[in-house]
Amino acid sequence: MPHWLIHSHLYDLSRRGLIMGIVNVTPDSFSDGGQFLDAKKAVEHGLDMVAEGAGILDVGGESTRPGAAPVSEEEELRRVLPVIRGLRAQTKTMISIDTFKATVAERALAAGADIINDVSGLTHDPRMIEVAAASSCGLVVMHMKGRPQTMQVNPVYQDVVAEVAGCFVERVATLTAAGIDHRRIALDPGIGFGKNLDHNLALLRSLPHFRVLGSPLLIGASRKSMIGKVLGAPGLAASTWPTVAITSYAREHGAQVLRVHEVKPNLDAMRMTEAILFGAD
């Protein structure tokens, strides 16, 4: 059964999953860029998510949307550290740092973060594995083909499910060889990160395939462009309820952590799905 070891606590996610609320401290994220660039507003937004039931707050200071411009380490730290410190001072809810830079992760952990969420699967910065191994934090290992600047330029796979699963097997082996307890690792197939619409749908359709790997599974499909492509209705207003549908479907088929922009409707969908699957506790 899926358990996630974060610091000294082993979270049992078999019957009750977690909602990860997105706190973007960026001017250019694809859906809410600039909305929470001010640290005070970002902290308030995170606390609102906690009140709605978020189990994790995912703080990011660099957009990873397709074509996003790189951000310097100094600027990323300037954006995220006041938010992490502000949240840590006011809530015990877990905080993750969404970064692929080792120094940002290291400083964020020192400021109170509990999880490193690395879209590169701890491959971009050669020091990231060292930082992770020196900590007891949780890890999210995501699959991304290419880099944010180029990842959506004609991504090609022979078999996207097999290739993502193979990447996960290699990453877990590499991390455990570096001294990281495998129970600390959650896996994210990276919806929208170097994948076209057919790839994204194939991954969602094949979620049970990833169960055999034994790690908690995180899905981040909130407000992704694939929703507009499927429904022919691009824009944020059209994405809320399709995201809720994905949350319910993903939970039923093996995901335990759902990364979303809107906490309450997705948490409700998750808990209702869990009641059907496992009974009402």
Protein backbone atom coordinates (compact mmCIF):
# COMPACT_ATOMS: atom_id res chain seq x y z
CA MET A 1 0.00 0.00 0.00
CA PRO A 2 1.28 3.52 -0.77
CA HIS A 3 3.01 5.28 2.09
CA TRP A 4 5.03 8.48 1.88
CA LEU A 5 7.86 9.09 4.36
CA ILE A 6 8.35 12.81 5.04
CA HIS A 7 10.78 13.64 7.82
CA SER A 8 9.94 11.10 10.51
CA HIS A 9 6.26 10.67 9.63
CA LEU A 10 5.00 7.86 7.40
CA TYR A 11 1.82 9.06 5.70
CA ASP A 12 -0.64 6.30 4.82
CA LEU A 13 -2.25 7.41 1.55
CA SER A 14 -4.07 4.19 0.76
CA ARG A 15 -7.53 5.39 1.81
CA ARG A 16 -7.12 9.16 2.13
CA GLY A 17 -5.10 11.07 -0.42
CA LEU A 18 -3.72 14.60 -0.29
CA ILE A 19 -4.56 17.76 -2.18
CA MET A 20 -1.49 19.85 -3.06
CA GLY A 21 -2.46 23.50 -3.47
CA ILE A 22 -0.45 25.54 -5.96
CA VAL A 23 1.11 28.80 -4.75
CA ASN A 24 2.82 30.40 -7.75
CA VAL A 25 5.07 33.32 -6.79
CA THR A 26 5.75 34.20 -10.42
CA PRO A 27 4.85 36.91 -12.92
CA ASP A 28 4.44 34.52 -15.84
CA SER A 29 2.86 31.20 -14.80
CA PHE A 30 0.39 30.04 -17.41
CA SER A 31 -2.78 30.51 -15.36
CA ASP A 32 -2.12 32.83 -12.42
CA GLY A 33 1.14 34.60 -13.21
CA GLY A 34 1.56 37.79 -11.20
CA GLN A 35 -1.52 37.20 -9.09
CA PHE A 36 0.47 36.23 -5.99
CA LEU A 37 3.88 37.75 -6.74
CA ASP A 38 3.63 39.81 -3.55
CA ALA A 39 4.76 37.63 -0.63
CA LYS A 40 1.95 38.76 1.66
CA LYS A 41 -0.70 37.92 -0.93
CA ALA A 42 0.94 34.57 -1.61
CA VAL A 43 0.93 33.70 2.10
CA GLU A 44 -2.72 34.73 2.41
CA HIS A 45 -3.56 32.61 -0.62
CA GLY A 46 -1.77 29.62 0.89
CA LEU A 47 -3.57 30.01 4.21
CA ASP A 48 -6.89 30.18 2.36
CA MET A 49 -5.99 26.86 0.74
CA VAL A 50 -5.18 25.39 4.15
CA ALA A 51 -8.60 26.50 5.39
CA GLU A 52 -10.15 24.69 2.43
CA GLY A 53 -8.32 21.47 3.28
CA ALA A 54 -5.03 21.45 1.38
CA GLY A 55 -2.61 18.89 2.79
CA ILE A 56 0.40 20.39 1.01
CA LEU A 57 1.20 23.90 -0.25
CA ASP A 58 3.44 23.84 -3.32
CA VAL A 59 5.44 27.09 -3.54
CA GLY A 60 7.15 27.88 -6.83
CA GLY A 61 9.16 30.91 -7.95
CA GLU A 62 9.92 29.98 -11.56
CA SER A 63 7.33 29.26 -14.22
CA THR A 64 7.73 25.93 -16.00
CA ARG A 65 5.09 26.61 -18.65
CA PRO A 66 6.17 25.85 -22.24
CA GLY A 67 8.56 28.53 -23.46
CA ALA A 68 9.01 30.12 -20.04
CA ALA A 69 12.11 32.27 -19.59
CA PRO A 70 14.70 31.01 -17.08
CA VAL A 71 14.91 32.74 -13.67
CA SER A 72 18.16 33.31 -11.81
CA GLU A 73 18.81 31.48 -8.56
CA GLU A 74 18.91 34.79 -6.68
CA GLU A 75 15.56 35.92 -8.05
CA GLU A 76 13.91 32.59 -7.33
CA LEU A 77 15.14 32.70 -3.74
CA ARG A 78 13.92 36.29 -3.39
CA ARG A 79 10.47 35.18 -4.44
CA VAL A 80 9.99 31.95 -2.50
CA LEU A 81 11.82 32.29 0.82
CA PRO A 82 9.58 35.02 2.33
CA VAL A 83 6.51 32.99 1.35
CA ILE A 84 7.81 29.76 2.86
CA ARG A 85 8.84 31.53 6.05
CA GLY A 86 5.50 33.33 6.25
CA LEU A 87 3.53 30.13 5.76
CA ARG A 88 5.68 28.13 8.19
CA ALA A 89 5.10 30.75 10.88
CA GLN A 90 1.33 30.37 10.57
CA THR A 91 0.58 26.76 9.65
CA LYS A 92 1.83 23.22 10.27
CA THR A 93 0.54 22.12 6.86
CA MET A 94 3.28 20.58 4.73
CA ILE A 95 5.08 22.89 2.30
CA SER A 96 6.80 21.79 -0.88
CA ILE A 97 9.29 23.79 -2.91
CA ASP A 98 8.75 23.55 -6.66
CA THR A 99 12.28 23.95 -8.04
CA PHE A 100 14.98 22.16 -9.99
CA LYS A 101 17.81 24.23 -8.45
CA ALA A 102 19.67 22.56 -5.57
CA THR A 103 20.51 25.76 -3.70
CA VAL A 104 16.89 26.93 -3.85
CA ALA A 105 15.75 23.55 -2.52
CA GLU A 106 18.38 23.61 0.24
CA ARG A 107 17.48 27.12 1.37
CA ALA A 108 13.75 26.36 1.16
CA LEU A 109 14.15 23.30 3.39
CA ALA A 110 16.08 25.41 5.90
CA ALA A 111 13.21 27.94 5.82
CA GLY A 112 10.64 25.27 6.67
CA ALA A 113 9.73 23.35 3.51
CA ASP A 114 9.04 19.62 3.86
CA ILE A 115 9.15 18.37 0.25
CA ILE A 116 11.26 18.97 -2.86
CA ASN A 117 9.09 18.92 -6.00
CA ASP A 118 11.55 18.78 -8.92
CA VAL A 119 10.08 18.83 -12.43
CA SER A 120 13.35 17.46 -13.81
CA GLY A 121 13.23 14.36 -11.62
CA LEU A 122 16.43 15.49 -9.84
CA THR A 123 18.41 15.47 -13.10
CA HIS A 124 18.81 19.17 -13.93
CA ASP A 125 21.14 20.17 -11.08
CA PRO A 126 23.85 17.62 -10.29
CA ARG A 127 23.85 18.70 -6.64
CA MET A 128 20.11 18.09 -6.11
CA ILE A 129 20.54 14.43 -5.17
CA GLU A 130 23.15 15.42 -2.59
CA VAL A 131 20.76 17.98 -1.08
CA ALA A 132 17.94 15.43 -1.01
CA ALA A 133 20.14 12.74 0.55
CA ALA A 134 21.28 15.11 3.30
CA SER A 135 17.66 15.81 4.26
CA SER A 136 14.74 13.74 5.50
CA CYS A 137 12.27 15.59 3.25
CA GLY A 138 9.78 14.04 0.89
CA LEU A 139 10.56 14.05 -2.84
CA VAL A 140 8.42 14.39 -5.94
CA VAL A 141 10.21 12.93 -8.96
CA MET A 142 8.54 14.17 -12.14
CA HIS A 143 9.07 13.01 -15.71
CA MET A 144 9.78 15.76 -18.21
CA LYS A 145 11.06 15.26 -21.74
CA GLY A 146 13.40 18.14 -22.59
CA ARG A 147 13.34 21.51 -20.84
CA PRO A 148 10.45 23.97 -20.31
CA GLN A 149 11.75 26.20 -23.10
CA THR A 150 11.52 23.41 -25.71
CA MET A 151 9.55 20.53 -24.22
CA GLN A 152 6.41 21.03 -26.31
CA VAL A 153 8.23 21.22 -29.65
CA ASN A 154 7.02 17.99 -31.25
CA PRO A 155 7.58 15.52 -28.37
CA VAL A 156 7.95 11.97 -29.71
CA TYR A 157 7.69 8.61 -27.91
CA GLN A 158 7.55 5.03 -29.13
CA ASP A 159 5.45 4.13 -26.07
CA VAL A 160 4.91 7.01 -23.65
CA VAL A 161 3.69 4.83 -20.78
CA ALA A 162 6.60 2.41 -21.01
CA GLU A 163 9.14 5.22 -21.35
CA VAL A 164 7.81 7.15 -18.35
CA ALA A 165 7.68 3.97 -16.26
CA GLY A 166 11.24 3.11 -17.31
CA CYS A 167 12.40 6.57 -16.30
CA PHE A 168 10.79 6.12 -12.89
CA VAL A 169 12.51 2.77 -12.34
CA GLU A 170 15.88 4.32 -13.20
CA ARG A 171 15.31 7.38 -11.01
CA VAL A 172 14.26 5.38 -7.96
CA ALA A 173 17.28 3.08 -8.39
CA THR A 174 19.62 6.07 -8.69
CA LEU A 175 18.16 7.85 -5.67
CA THR A 176 18.14 4.80 -3.43
CA ALA A 177 21.74 4.08 -4.43
CA ALA A 178 22.54 7.59 -3.18
CA GLY A 179 21.15 6.67 0.24
CA ILE A 180 17.60 8.01 -0.13
CA ASP A 181 14.88 5.83 1.40
CA HIS A 182 12.54 4.76 -1.40
CA ARG A 183 9.57 5.54 0.83
CA ARG A 184 10.43 9.24 0.56
CA ILE A 185 9.80 9.23 -3.20
CA ALA A 186 6.53 10.11 -4.93
CA LEU A 187 6.24 9.89 -8.73
CA ASP A 188 4.63 12.35 -11.14
CA PRO A 189 4.25 11.37 -14.84
CA GLY A 190 4.40 15.05 -15.80
CA ILE A 191 1.13 15.78 -17.60
CA GLY A 192 1.88 18.49 -20.16
CA PHE A 193 5.66 18.35 -19.71
CA GLY A 194 7.03 17.21 -23.06
CA LYS A 195 3.80 15.44 -24.00
CA ASN A 196 1.09 16.13 -26.56
CA LEU A 197 -2.62 15.56 -26.00
CA ASP A 198 -2.52 11.88 -26.94
CA HIS A 199 0.45 11.29 -24.63
CA ASN A 200 -1.32 12.99 -21.72
CA LEU A 201 -4.51 10.99 -22.22
CA ALA A 202 -2.55 7.74 -22.54
CA LEU A 203 -0.78 8.41 -19.24
CA LEU A 204 -4.04 9.17 -17.44
CA ARG A 205 -5.64 6.09 -18.97
CA SER A 206 -2.71 3.98 -17.76
CA LEU A 207 -2.46 5.14 -14.14
CA PRO A 208 -2.99 1.59 -12.80
CA HIS A 209 0.20 0.62 -14.67
CA PHE A 210 2.23 2.85 -12.37
CA ARG A 211 0.80 1.29 -9.19
CA VAL A 212 3.17 -1.65 -9.52
CA LEU A 213 6.10 0.68 -8.87
CA GLY A 214 4.92 0.99 -5.26
CA SER A 215 5.48 4.74 -4.81
CA PRO A 216 2.76 7.33 -4.19
CA LEU A 217 1.56 8.82 -7.47
CA LEU A 218 1.04 12.56 -7.96
CA ILE A 219 -1.01 14.00 -10.82
CA GLY A 220 -0.90 17.66 -11.82
CA ALA A 221 -3.43 18.30 -14.59
CA SER A 222 -5.06 21.43 -13.15
CA ARG A 223 -5.73 24.09 -15.80
CA LYS A 224 -3.54 22.30 -18.33
CA SER A 225 -4.05 23.18 -21.99
CA MET A 226 -5.14 19.63 -22.78
CA ILE A 227 -8.49 20.41 -21.14
CA GLY A 228 -9.19 23.19 -23.63
CA LYS A 229 -8.03 20.97 -26.49
CA VAL A 230 -10.40 18.17 -25.52
CA LEU A 231 -13.40 20.40 -24.87
CA GLY A 232 -12.75 23.11 -27.44
CA ALA A 233 -13.13 25.73 -24.70
CA PRO A 234 -9.76 27.16 -23.73
CA GLY A 235 -9.47 29.45 -20.71
CA LEU A 236 -9.52 29.17 -16.94
CA ALA A 237 -13.30 29.45 -16.58
CA ALA A 238 -13.74 26.28 -18.62
CA SER A 239 -11.14 24.25 -16.69
CA THR A 240 -12.52 24.07 -13.14
CA TRP A 241 -14.95 21.18 -13.46
CA PRO A 242 -12.92 19.16 -15.97
CA THR A 243 -10.04 19.36 -13.46
CA VAL A 244 -12.39 18.06 -10.76
CA ALA A 245 -13.33 15.18 -13.08
CA ILE A 246 -9.66 14.34 -13.58
CA THR A 247 -9.12 14.42 -9.80
CA SER A 248 -11.90 11.92 -9.20
CA TYR A 249 -10.78 9.68 -12.06
CA ALA A 250 -7.12 9.81 -11.04
CA ARG A 251 -7.90 8.98 -7.41
CA GLU A 252 -10.02 6.01 -8.45
CA HIS A 253 -7.24 4.67 -10.68
CA GLY A 254 -4.30 4.96 -8.31
CA ALA A 255 -3.19 8.55 -7.73
CA GLN A 256 -2.85 9.61 -4.10
CA VAL A 257 -1.75 13.26 -4.44
CA LEU A 258 -3.52 15.76 -6.70
CA ARG A 259 -1.82 19.10 -7.46
CA VAL A 260 -4.48 21.74 -8.14
CA HIS A 261 -5.19 25.47 -8.20
CA GLU A 262 -8.64 25.19 -6.59
CA VAL A 263 -8.64 23.15 -3.41
CA LYS A 264 -12.23 22.81 -2.21
CA PRO A 265 -13.97 21.30 -5.26
CA ASN A 266 -11.08 18.90 -5.88
CA LEU A 267 -10.90 17.84 -2.23
CA ASP A 268 -14.65 17.20 -2.25
CA ALA A 269 -14.30 15.09 -5.39
CA MET A 270 -11.42 13.13 -3.87
CA ARG A 271 -13.21 12.42 -0.60
CA MET A 272 -16.43 11.39 -2.36
CA THR A 273 -14.48 9.05 -4.61
CA GLU A 274 -12.69 7.58 -1.59
CA ALA A 275 -16.00 7.02 0.19
CA ILE A 276 -17.26 5.04 -2.81
CA LEU A 277 -14.03 3.04 -3.04
CA PHE A 278 -13.29 2.40 0.62
CA GLY A 279 -16.37 3.36 2.63
CA ALA A 280 -17.12 6.51 4.60
CA ASP A 281 -14.86 6.91 7.66
